[in-house]
PDB file of N, CA and C in Angstrom:
ATOM      1  N   MET A   1      53.376  60.644  47.293  1.00  0.00           N
ATOM      2  CA  MET A   1      53.206  60.156  48.672  1.00  0.00           C
ATOM      3  C   MET A   1      52.441  61.180  49.519  1.00  0.00           C
ATOM      4  N   GLN A   2      52.742  62.444  49.312  1.00  0.00           N
ATOM      5  CA  GLN A   2      52.079  63.471  50.126  1.00  0.00           C
ATOM      6  C   GLN A   2      50.572  63.496  49.849  1.00  0.00           C
ATOM      7  N   GLU A   3      50.213  63.365  48.573  1.00  0.00           N
ATOM      8  CA  GLU A   3      48.787  63.376  48.234  1.00  0.00           C
ATOM      9  C   GLU A   3      48.059  62.204  48.889  1.00  0.00           C
ATOM     10  N   THR A   4      48.718  61.041  48.891  1.00  0.00           N
ATOM     11  CA  THR A   4      48.109  59.862  49.511  1.00  0.00           C
ATOM     12  C   THR A   4      47.933  60.071  51.009  1.00  0.00           C
ATOM     13  N   ALA A   5      48.934  60.649  51.646  1.00  0.00           N
ATOM     14  CA  ALA A   5      48.862  60.894  53.088  1.00  0.00           C
ATOM     15  C   ALA A   5      47.732  61.862  53.396  1.00  0.00           C
ATOM     16  N   ALA A   6      47.582  62.898  52.589  1.00  0.00           N
ATOM     17  CA  ALA A   6      46.510  63.873  52.808  1.00  0.00           C
ATOM     18  C   ALA A   6      45.144  63.206  52.641  1.00  0.00           C
ATOM     19  N   ALA A   7      45.029  62.332  51.644  1.00  0.00           N
ATOM     20  CA  ALA A   7      43.762  61.652  51.390  1.00  0.00           C
ATOM     21  C   ALA A   7      43.411  60.715  52.551  1.00  0.00           C
ATOM     22  N   LEU A   8      44.432  60.116  53.151  1.00  0.00           N
ATOM     23  CA  LEU A   8      44.189  59.189  54.261  1.00  0.00           C
ATOM     24  C   LEU A   8      43.902  59.929  55.558  1.00  0.00           C
ATOM     25  N   SER A   9      44.475  61.131  55.710  1.00  0.00           N
ATOM     26  CA  SER A   9      44.316  61.859  56.971  1.00  0.00           C
ATOM     27  C   SER A   9      42.895  62.382  57.134  1.00  0.00           C
ATOM     28  N   GLU A  10      42.247  62.752  56.041  1.00  0.00           N
ATOM     29  CA  GLU A  10      40.904  63.318  56.156  1.00  0.00           C
ATOM     30  C   GLU A  10      39.881  62.321  56.706  1.00  0.00           C
ATOM     31  N   PRO A  11      39.772  61.107  56.131  1.00  0.00           N
ATOM     32  CA  PRO A  11      38.832  60.122  56.686  1.00  0.00           C
ATOM     33  C   PRO A  11      39.157  59.785  58.140  1.00  0.00           C
ATOM     34  N   SER A  12      40.446  59.731  58.475  1.00  0.00           N
ATOM     35  CA  SER A  12      40.825  59.414  59.849  1.00  0.00           C
ATOM     36  C   SER A  12      40.318  60.497  60.788  1.00  0.00           C
ATOM     37  N   THR A  13      40.454  61.753  60.367  1.00  0.00           N
ATOM     38  CA  THR A  13      39.981  62.863  61.205  1.00  0.00           C
ATOM     39  C   THR A  13      38.472  62.783  61.370  1.00  0.00           C
ATOM     40  N   LEU A  14      37.772  62.534  60.262  1.00  0.00           N
ATOM     41  CA  LEU A  14      36.315  62.422  60.334  1.00  0.00           C
ATOM     42  C   LEU A  14      35.920  61.270  61.247  1.00  0.00           C
ATOM     43  N   LEU A  15      36.664  60.174  61.175  1.00  0.00           N
ATOM     44  CA  LEU A  15      36.358  59.017  62.009  1.00  0.00           C
ATOM     45  C   LEU A  15      36.545  59.356  63.480  1.00  0.00           C
ATOM     46  N   LEU A  16      37.654  60.053  63.798  1.00  0.00           N
ATOM     47  CA  LEU A  16      37.910  60.437  65.188  1.00  0.00           C
ATOM     48  C   LEU A  16      36.819  61.371  65.688  1.00  0.00           C
ATOM     49  N   VAL A  17      36.417  62.321  64.856  1.00  0.00           N
ATOM     50  CA  VAL A  17      35.353  63.255  65.248  1.00  0.00           C
ATOM     51  C   VAL A  17      34.047  62.489  65.465  1.00  0.00           C
ATOM     52  N   GLY A  18      33.770  61.551  64.582  1.00  0.00           N
ATOM     53  CA  GLY A  18      32.548  60.764  64.710  1.00  0.00           C
ATOM     54  C   GLY A  18      32.543  59.940  65.988  1.00  0.00           C
ATOM     55  N   ILE A  19      33.690  59.344  66.309  1.00  0.00           N
ATOM     56  CA  ILE A  19      33.801  58.548  67.534  1.00  0.00           C
ATOM     57  C   ILE A  19      33.622  59.450  68.755  1.00  0.00           C
ATOM     58  N   SER A  20      34.220  60.634  68.704  1.00  0.00           N
ATOM     59  CA  SER A  20      34.119  61.567  69.829  1.00  0.00           C
ATOM     60  C   SER A  20      32.660  61.968  70.047  1.00  0.00           C
ATOM     61  N   LEU A  21      31.989  62.369  68.966  1.00  0.00           N
ATOM     62  CA  LEU A  21      30.585  62.771  69.082  1.00  0.00           C
ATOM     63  C   LEU A  21      29.734  61.583  69.524  1.00  0.00           C
ATOM     64  N   GLY A  22      30.021  60.401  69.003  1.00  0.00           N
ATOM     65  CA  GLY A  22      29.265  59.214  69.385  1.00  0.00           C
ATOM     66  C   GLY A  22      29.441  58.904  70.866  1.00  0.00           C
ATOM     67  N   GLY A  23      30.674  59.061  71.352  1.00  0.00           N
ATOM     68  CA  GLY A  23      30.946  58.809  72.768  1.00  0.00           C
ATOM     69  C   GLY A  23      30.199  59.791  73.650  1.00  0.00           C
ATOM     70  N   ILE A  24      30.185  61.056  73.246  1.00  0.00           N
ATOM     71  CA  ILE A  24      29.473  62.080  74.023  1.00  0.00           C
ATOM     72  C   ILE A  24      27.978  61.773  74.036  1.00  0.00           C
ATOM     73  N   ALA A  25      27.453  61.398  72.870  1.00  0.00           N
ATOM     74  CA  ALA A  25      26.025  61.085  72.767  1.00  0.00           C
ATOM     75  C   ALA A  25      25.682  59.887  73.653  1.00  0.00           C
ATOM     76  N   LEU A  26      26.515  58.849  73.613  1.00  0.00           N
ATOM     77  CA  LEU A  26      26.282  57.665  74.446  1.00  0.00           C
ATOM     78  C   LEU A  26      26.343  58.033  75.923  1.00  0.00           C
ATOM     79  N   GLY A  27      27.299  58.872  76.282  1.00  0.00           N
ATOM     80  CA  GLY A  27      27.434  59.306  77.680  1.00  0.00           C
ATOM     81  C   GLY A  27      26.175  60.018  78.149  1.00  0.00           C
ATOM     82  N   LYS A  28      25.644  60.903  77.315  1.00  0.00           N
ATOM     83  CA  LYS A  28      24.435  61.637  77.691  1.00  0.00           C
ATOM     84  C   LYS A  28      23.259  60.684  77.830  1.00  0.00           C
ATOM     85  N   ILE A  29      23.147  59.744  76.881  1.00  0.00           N
ATOM     86  CA  ILE A  29      22.039  58.781  76.916  1.00  0.00           C
ATOM     87  C   ILE A  29      22.127  57.920  78.177  1.00  0.00           C
ATOM     88  N   LEU A  30      23.354  57.488  78.516  1.00  0.00           N
ATOM     89  CA  LEU A  30      23.528  56.647  79.701  1.00  0.00           C
ATOM     90  C   LEU A  30      23.199  57.426  80.962  1.00  0.00           C
ATOM     91  N   THR A  31      23.684  58.669  81.065  1.00  0.00           N
ATOM     92  CA  THR A  31      23.419  59.468  82.267  1.00  0.00           C
ATOM     93  C   THR A  31      21.925  59.738  82.392  1.00  0.00           C
ATOM     94  N   LEU A  32      21.258  60.013  81.271  1.00  0.00           N
ATOM     95  CA  LEU A  32      19.815  60.252  81.314  1.00  0.00           C
ATOM     96  C   LEU A  32      19.095  58.977  81.738  1.00  0.00           C
ATOM     97  N   GLY A  33      19.584  57.822  81.268  1.00  0.00           N
ATOM     98  CA  GLY A  33      18.971  56.549  81.632  1.00  0.00           C
ATOM     99  C   GLY A  33      19.095  56.284  83.120  1.00  0.00           C
ATOM    100  N   TYR A  34      20.294  56.558  83.677  1.00  0.00           N
ATOM    101  CA  TYR A  34      20.494  56.356  85.110  1.00  0.00           C
ATOM    102  C   TYR A  34      19.623  57.315  85.910  1.00  0.00           C
ATOM    103  N   ARG A  35      19.512  58.558  85.456  1.00  0.00           N
ATOM    104  CA  ARG A  35      18.681  59.539  86.167  1.00  0.00           C
ATOM    105  C   ARG A  35      17.218  59.126  86.128  1.00  0.00           C
ATOM    106  N   ALA A  36      16.792  58.568  84.995  1.00  0.00           N
ATOM    107  CA  ALA A  36      15.401  58.148  84.855  1.00  0.00           C
ATOM    108  C   ALA A  36      15.096  57.011  85.835  1.00  0.00           C
ATOM    109  N   GLN A  37      16.080  56.133  86.058  1.00  0.00           N
ATOM    110  CA  GLN A  37      15.872  55.022  86.990  1.00  0.00           C
ATOM    111  C   GLN A  37      15.736  55.536  88.424  1.00  0.00           C
ATOM    112  N   ASP A  38      16.464  56.594  88.745  1.00  0.00           N
ATOM    113  CA  ASP A  38      16.371  57.162  90.098  1.00  0.00           C
ATOM    114  C   ASP A  38      15.037  57.897  90.219  1.00  0.00           C
TER     115      ASP A  38
END
């Protein structure tokens, strides 16, 4: 059971990191887009 939990935790962590980086990237793109309109 422990091995399975460890195997499942790694992809979840990578997914969370990917979502976090994606959110930051989207935020920067949106802010740059709004600034460009001004």
